[in-house]
Protein backbone atom coordinates (compact mmCIF):
# COMPACT_ATOMS: atom_id res chain seq x y z
CA MET A 1 11.05 122.58 157.16
CA GLU A 2 12.64 125.02 159.24
CA LEU A 3 11.25 128.74 159.07
CA TRP A 4 15.00 129.61 158.05
CA LEU A 5 14.42 127.76 155.37
CA ASN A 6 11.24 128.62 154.39
CA TRP A 7 12.69 132.65 154.30
CA PHE A 8 15.46 131.94 152.65
CA LEU A 9 13.69 129.71 149.15
CA ASP A 10 10.77 132.04 149.34
CA GLY A 11 13.31 134.94 148.86
CA LEU A 12 15.24 133.60 146.52
CA ASN A 13 11.38 132.73 144.55
CA ASN A 14 10.80 136.67 144.43
CA LEU A 15 13.88 137.06 143.22
CA ASN A 16 13.21 135.35 140.46
CA VAL A 17 16.52 133.09 140.95
CA ASP A 18 16.36 128.71 141.25
CA ILE A 19 17.09 126.94 143.22
CA ASP A 20 18.21 122.48 143.23
CA ASN A 21 17.92 120.58 145.68
CA GLU A 22 22.24 120.44 145.77
CA LYS A 23 22.54 123.70 146.60
CA ILE A 24 19.70 123.81 149.26
CA GLU A 25 21.91 120.92 150.86
CA LYS A 26 24.61 123.19 150.87
CA PHE A 27 23.58 126.43 152.12
CA LYS A 28 22.05 123.59 155.26
CA LYS A 29 25.64 122.70 155.91
CA TYR A 30 27.14 126.07 156.04
CA ILE A 31 24.86 127.82 158.38
CA ASP A 32 24.83 125.01 160.54
CA LEU A 33 28.84 126.01 160.41
CA ILE A 34 28.06 129.21 160.81
CA THR A 35 25.90 128.79 163.94
CA PHE A 36 27.95 126.60 165.31
CA TYR A 37 30.90 128.71 165.02
CA ASN A 38 29.09 131.78 166.50
CA GLN A 39 29.03 129.88 170.06
CA LYS A 40 32.42 130.10 170.09
CA PHE A 41 33.73 133.68 168.13
CA ASN A 42 32.23 136.15 166.73
CA LEU A 43 32.16 135.02 163.12
CA THR A 44 29.03 137.08 161.90
CA GLY A 45 27.16 140.18 163.36
CA GLU A 46 23.86 138.13 162.99
CA LYS A 47 22.94 135.68 165.51
CA THR A 48 19.91 133.63 164.21
CA LYS A 49 19.41 131.68 161.37
CA GLU A 50 16.36 133.65 160.00
CA GLU A 51 19.06 137.07 159.78
CA ILE A 52 21.48 134.52 158.30
CA ALA A 53 19.11 133.26 155.70
CA ILE A 54 18.31 136.94 154.98
CA LYS A 55 20.87 139.52 155.94
CA GLN A 56 23.89 137.20 154.50
CA PHE A 57 22.95 134.53 152.07
CA LEU A 58 20.13 135.84 150.36
CA ASP A 59 21.94 139.37 150.12
CA SER A 60 25.51 137.74 148.86
CA LEU A 61 23.31 136.30 145.95
CA ILE A 62 21.85 140.10 144.69
CA PRO A 63 24.97 140.35 142.02
CA ILE A 64 23.28 137.11 140.18
CA LEU A 65 20.15 138.77 140.29
CA TYR A 66 21.96 142.08 138.65
CA LEU A 67 23.57 139.46 135.94
CA LYS A 68 20.79 137.84 135.06
CA LYS A 69 18.55 141.51 135.12
CA TYR A 70 20.83 143.03 132.81
CA PHE A 71 23.00 140.49 130.97
CA ASP A 72 21.14 137.28 131.22
CA LYS A 73 23.87 135.24 133.14
CA SER A 74 23.21 133.04 135.74
CA THR A 75 26.13 132.59 137.33
CA LEU A 76 29.83 133.56 137.80
CA THR A 77 32.51 132.97 135.20
CA ASP A 78 36.06 133.25 135.44
CA LYS A 79 38.10 134.63 138.50
CA ASN A 80 36.71 135.80 141.26
CA ILE A 81 37.65 137.91 145.03
CA ASP A 82 36.04 138.14 148.32
CA ILE A 83 37.89 140.94 149.95
CA GLY A 84 37.05 140.59 153.79
CA THR A 85 34.78 137.63 153.41
CA GLY A 86 34.87 137.16 156.76
CA ALA A 87 32.60 134.69 157.25
CA GLY A 88 32.90 133.50 153.14
CA ILE A 89 30.30 136.45 153.09
CA PRO A 90 29.51 136.72 149.55
CA GLY A 91 31.64 134.70 148.54
CA ILE A 92 30.19 131.25 149.20
CA PRO A 93 26.93 131.14 148.77
CA LEU A 94 28.12 133.20 145.71
CA LYS A 95 30.55 129.95 145.05
CA ILE A 96 27.35 127.43 145.68
CA PHE A 97 25.38 128.66 142.76
CA SER A 98 28.51 129.39 140.27
CA LYS A 99 30.15 125.76 140.35
CA THR A 100 32.62 126.13 137.38
CA SER A 101 33.41 129.53 139.25
CA GLU A 102 36.94 129.68 140.29
CA PHE A 103 36.90 132.26 143.97
CA LEU A 104 39.93 133.79 146.69
CA LEU A 105 38.27 134.33 149.72
CA VAL A 106 40.49 136.96 151.27
CA ASP A 107 40.88 137.79 154.83
CA SER A 108 42.80 139.04 158.11
CA ASN A 109 41.18 136.93 160.72
CA LYS A 110 42.82 133.58 161.25
CA LYS A 111 39.66 132.52 163.12
CA ARG A 112 37.51 133.46 160.03
CA VAL A 113 39.60 131.83 157.86
CA ASN A 114 40.20 128.29 159.71
CA PHE A 115 36.68 128.64 159.70
CA LEU A 116 36.60 129.12 156.42
CA SER A 117 38.85 126.08 155.05
CA ASN A 118 36.47 123.86 157.11
CA ALA A 119 33.85 124.86 155.56
CA ILE A 120 35.20 124.93 152.04
CA GLU A 121 36.18 121.10 152.99
CA GLU A 122 32.47 120.35 154.86
CA LEU A 123 30.94 122.24 151.61
CA CYS A 124 32.37 119.68 148.88
CA LEU A 125 33.53 123.45 147.20
CA GLU A 126 36.17 122.71 144.33
CA LYS A 127 38.79 126.08 142.82
CA VAL A 128 37.79 128.06 146.20
CA ASP A 129 41.03 129.21 147.98
CA ILE A 130 41.92 131.50 151.03
CA LEU A 131 44.35 134.31 151.82
CA LEU A 132 44.90 135.03 155.15
CA GLY A 133 45.67 139.03 155.29
CA ARG A 134 45.16 142.01 154.19
CA GLY A 135 44.64 143.07 150.58
CA GLU A 136 46.22 146.07 150.45
CA GLU A 137 49.13 144.33 152.09
CA LEU A 138 49.07 141.16 149.85
CA ILE A 139 48.22 142.66 146.53
CA LYS A 140 52.21 143.50 147.02
CA LYS A 141 53.59 140.18 148.10
CA VAL A 142 51.09 138.26 145.98
CA ASP A 143 50.61 138.23 142.00
CA LEU A 144 46.98 139.32 142.15
CA ARG A 145 46.64 142.73 140.52
CA GLU A 146 44.38 143.17 137.89
CA LYS A 147 43.54 138.96 138.11
CA PHE A 148 39.99 139.02 138.68
CA LEU A 149 36.67 139.43 136.72
CA ASN A 150 34.66 140.02 139.56
CA VAL A 151 35.96 141.96 142.97
CA PHE A 152 33.29 141.88 145.55
CA SER A 153 33.60 143.26 149.26
CA ARG A 154 30.58 143.43 151.46
CA TRP A 155 30.60 145.78 154.56
CA VAL A 156 34.48 146.78 154.18
CA LEU A 157 35.11 149.10 153.81
CA LYS A 158 32.91 153.15 153.51
CA ILE A 159 33.37 155.53 150.62
CA PRO A 160 35.75 156.53 148.80
CA GLY A 161 38.34 154.01 150.61
CA ILE A 162 36.78 151.11 149.79
CA PHE A 163 37.22 152.17 145.98
CA GLU A 164 41.12 152.23 146.78
CA LEU A 165 41.79 148.24 148.50
CA THR A 166 39.12 146.94 145.93
CA SER A 167 40.40 148.57 142.06
CA PRO A 168 43.75 147.74 142.11
CA PHE A 169 42.29 143.54 141.81
CA VAL A 170 39.84 144.04 138.81
CA LYS A 171 40.85 143.27 135.67
CA VAL A 172 40.04 146.44 133.10
CA ASN A 173 36.47 145.38 132.04
CA GLY A 174 36.23 143.30 134.81
CA ARG A 175 33.98 144.47 137.47
CA ILE A 176 33.63 145.51 141.29
CA PHE A 177 30.27 144.79 143.35
CA LEU A 178 30.06 146.33 146.41
CA TRP A 179 27.06 146.26 149.60
CA LYS A 180 26.41 149.83 150.67
CA GLY A 181 23.33 151.81 152.39
CA ILE A 182 20.94 153.78 150.42
CA ASP A 183 22.01 156.83 152.79
CA GLU A 184 25.29 156.28 150.57
CA ILE A 185 23.94 157.56 147.36
CA GLU A 186 25.28 160.88 147.33
CA LEU A 187 28.62 159.92 148.67
CA ILE A 188 28.52 157.78 145.28
CA GLU A 189 27.90 160.17 142.71
CA LYS A 190 30.32 162.32 144.79
CA SER A 191 32.78 160.30 143.94
CA THR A 192 33.26 160.03 140.13
CA SER A 193 36.37 162.08 139.83
CA PHE A 194 38.32 160.05 142.61
CA LEU A 195 37.03 156.75 140.56
CA ASN A 196 37.99 157.79 137.46
CA GLU A 197 41.40 158.08 139.05
CA LEU A 198 41.35 154.40 139.88
CA GLY A 199 39.99 153.31 136.24
CA LEU A 200 36.71 152.87 137.18
CA ILE A 201 32.83 154.21 136.27
CA ILE A 202 29.25 153.50 137.70
CA GLU A 203 28.08 150.69 136.49
CA ASN A 204 25.24 151.08 138.69
CA ILE A 205 23.33 151.89 141.30
CA PHE A 206 20.83 148.89 142.45
CA LYS A 207 18.59 149.69 144.43
CA TYR A 208 16.56 146.90 145.93
CA GLU A 209 14.70 145.21 149.42
CA LEU A 210 15.54 142.09 151.15
CA PRO A 211 12.47 140.48 152.57
CA PHE A 212 11.13 139.98 155.96
CA PHE A 213 13.42 142.28 157.71
CA LYS A 214 12.27 145.00 155.21
CA SER A 215 16.07 146.50 154.18
CA GLU A 216 16.06 148.82 151.66
CA ARG A 217 19.80 148.32 150.31
CA VAL A 218 21.82 149.29 147.06
CA LEU A 219 24.66 147.15 145.02
CA LEU A 220 27.14 149.36 143.92
CA VAL A 221 28.32 147.61 140.63
CA LEU A 222 31.84 149.58 139.11
CA LYS A 223 33.27 148.92 135.74
CA LYS A 224 36.40 148.96 135.10
CA ILE A 225 37.49 150.94 132.32
CA LYS A 226 41.29 151.34 132.33
CA THR A 227 44.47 149.82 134.39
CA THR A 228 44.57 151.59 138.10
CA PRO A 229 47.76 153.45 138.76
CA LEU A 230 50.27 151.39 140.35
CA LYS A 231 50.79 153.68 142.91
CA TYR A 232 46.95 152.46 145.08
CA PRO A 233 46.43 150.54 146.99
CA ARG A 234 48.33 152.81 149.75
CA SER A 235 48.57 152.14 153.28
CA PHE A 236 45.51 151.08 155.20
CA LYS A 237 46.08 154.06 157.80
CA LYS A 238 45.79 156.17 154.13
CA ILE A 239 42.68 154.11 152.62
CA LYS A 240 40.78 154.64 155.59
CA THR A 241 42.18 158.06 156.72
CA LEU A 242 39.66 159.10 153.09
CA SER A 243 36.94 157.07 154.30
CA CYS A 244 35.93 158.85 157.94
């Protein structure tokens, strides 16, 4: 067994997340695709299979651990969107573990979108769509407003800009999952008034540590309690200004 797979399976076991042979085969194909395309262009920051397996695949599955721990759910349901998905992280790993769910993967880079199309075909993933473009622009062109039960975004924008970017996509009573650093907890807690304006509350600041690399991280879980005002999201330039 390759080292990356041994680490990945060990990490899943430590998180008490079950995996079967079908899922394992999909992750094998997926990691081979990522490493192959990484030689052509900068698809991911992590280059070794061990880094990809833990810092991307395993890290992507933390929402599954969260839902299982607090709501006794082992898969995702309904419609889900991954904004700024890059190589399909976290959307594709989450989709592999949630076979019947629907996923929309959004990215603004054409090379990455072409990779995603190939990966979805190679992995035989159903109910997965891809959109090329920026989230704040697409939502004004396509009927995406408050259409998703779960919104995912991993390392796309800093706080509080990421709140404005993601909040218009999620349904009332739905959730937003954001991957953040331990050093951002204080900033998260200071953002409650802006979150309230967007119709969001903090459901959980879920702390965890990735194995092997000993990386402390936070999964910020936001709950949508009321409709986001139509003026949001604004232009990317204005959103990014918030996050500087």
